[in-house]
Protein backbone atom coordinates (compact mmCIF):
# COMPACT_ATOMS: atom_id res chain seq x y z
CA UNK A 1 0.00 -0.07 -0.04
CA UNK A 2 2.66 2.57 0.97
CA UNK A 3 4.03 2.02 -2.77
CA UNK A 4 0.85 2.75 -4.14
CA UNK A 5 0.67 6.06 -1.87
CA UNK A 6 4.35 6.96 -2.70
CA UNK A 7 3.33 6.58 -6.54
CA UNK A 8 0.16 8.72 -6.30
CA UNK A 9 2.11 11.54 -4.38
CA UNK A 10 4.65 11.60 -7.09
CA UNK A 11 1.78 12.23 -9.72
CA UNK A 12 -0.36 14.57 -7.14
CA UNK A 13 1.47 17.12 -5.19
CA UNK A 14 -1.27 18.36 -2.58
CA UNK A 15 0.56 20.53 0.14
CA UNK A 16 4.04 20.05 -0.47
CA UNK A 17 4.62 18.17 2.70
CA UNK A 18 5.03 14.92 2.69
CA UNK A 19 3.48 13.83 5.95
CA UNK A 20 0.27 15.80 4.99
CA UNK A 21 0.24 14.54 0.96
CA UNK A 22 0.68 11.00 2.45
CA UNK A 23 -2.28 11.23 4.93
CA UNK A 24 -4.74 12.99 2.15
CA UNK A 25 -3.70 10.26 -0.46
CA UNK A 26 -5.01 7.68 2.39
CA UNK A 27 -8.01 9.07 2.71
CA UNK A 28 -8.43 9.49 -0.95
CA UNK A 29 -7.52 5.63 -1.27
CA UNK A 30 -9.91 4.53 1.23
CA UNK A 31 -12.67 6.59 -0.33
CA UNK A 32 -11.97 5.22 -3.82
CA UNK A 33 -12.38 1.78 -2.16
CA UNK A 34 -15.59 2.34 -0.46
CA UNK A 35 -17.03 3.54 -3.35
CA UNK A 36 -16.00 1.03 -5.99
CA UNK A 37 -16.84 -1.66 -3.18
CA UNK A 38 -20.32 -0.71 -3.04
CA UNK A 39 -20.87 0.01 -6.59
CA UNK A 40 -19.43 -3.48 -7.35
CA UNK A 41 -21.64 -5.05 -4.72
CA UNK A 42 -24.87 -3.57 -6.19
CA UNK A 43 -23.86 -4.43 -9.79
CA UNK A 44 -22.99 -8.23 -8.66
CA UNK A 45 -26.18 -9.37 -9.82
CA UNK A 46 -25.62 -7.94 -13.54
CA UNK A 47 -22.33 -9.55 -13.68
CA UNK A 48 -23.54 -12.86 -12.80
CA UNK A 49 -21.74 -12.96 -9.58
CA UNK A 50 -18.79 -13.63 -11.90
CA UNK A 51 -15.56 -12.94 -9.52
CA UNK A 52 -13.36 -12.17 -12.36
CA UNK A 53 -15.80 -9.47 -13.70
CA UNK A 54 -16.37 -8.09 -10.63
CA UNK A 55 -12.89 -7.61 -9.74
CA UNK A 56 -12.22 -6.06 -12.73
CA UNK A 57 -14.74 -3.52 -12.42
CA UNK A 58 -13.89 -2.80 -8.82
CA UNK A 59 -10.28 -2.04 -10.00
CA UNK A 60 -11.18 -0.29 -12.81
CA UNK A 61 -13.44 1.77 -10.81
CA UNK A 62 -11.22 2.31 -8.13
CA UNK A 63 -8.24 3.49 -10.60
CA UNK A 64 -10.68 6.10 -11.87
CA UNK A 65 -12.07 7.41 -8.69
CA UNK A 66 -8.59 7.99 -7.42
CA UNK A 67 -7.59 10.15 -10.35
CA UNK A 68 -10.74 11.95 -10.34
CA UNK A 69 -11.05 12.77 -6.51
CA UNK A 70 -7.48 13.86 -6.91
CA UNK A 71 -7.66 16.16 -9.83
CA UNK A 72 -11.25 17.93 -8.44
CA UNK A 73 -9.32 18.25 -4.75
CA UNK A 74 -6.21 20.32 -6.72
CA UNK A 75 -8.49 22.06 -8.98
CA UNK A 76 -10.91 23.54 -6.92
CA UNK A 77 -8.34 23.81 -3.75
CA UNK A 78 -10.50 21.54 -1.67
CA UNK A 79 -7.93 21.33 0.91
CA UNK A 80 -7.60 24.96 1.51
CA UNK A 81 -11.45 25.36 2.51
CA UNK A 82 -11.19 21.80 4.56
CA UNK A 83 -8.11 23.62 6.59
CA UNK A 84 -9.76 26.94 7.05
CA UNK A 85 -13.09 25.13 8.30
CA UNK A 86 -10.95 23.13 10.46
CA UNK A 87 -9.23 26.55 11.65
CA UNK A 88 -12.21 28.16 12.14
CA UNK A 89 -14.01 25.51 13.90
CA UNK A 90 -10.77 25.11 16.70
CA UNK A 91 -10.95 28.77 17.09
CA UNK A 92 -14.58 28.78 18.36
CA UNK A 93 -14.02 25.64 20.40
CA UNK A 94 -11.41 27.45 22.09
CA UNK A 95 -13.46 30.77 22.41
CA UNK A 96 -16.71 28.98 23.52
CA UNK A 97 -14.15 27.24 26.08
CA UNK A 98 -13.10 30.63 27.15
CA UNK A 99 -16.36 32.04 27.81
CA UNK A 100 -17.22 28.86 30.15
CA UNK A 101 -14.32 29.84 32.33
CA UNK A 102 -15.55 33.26 32.80
CA UNK A 103 -19.47 32.61 33.78
């Protein structure tokens, strides 16, 4: 799995920080796995429950999803919005705790 993550981080650079890129790619790979697993399971009847066809569909979907999700994340700077939202929530949490201490 580490080899796959290293390959993807060589193709796509999200933040420039290897640790953050590793975490981001891990989430993208997990998301792609879950979606392709569900889609393959839902289409199992149409594929006559043939394990070779189901495996091929799963890996094809997974590969496509990894690249599509990666391109969307990079193009629309989704990480910037996620980090801004997390930072805002953290500051709001600290503010609420300080307000509790005042009363």
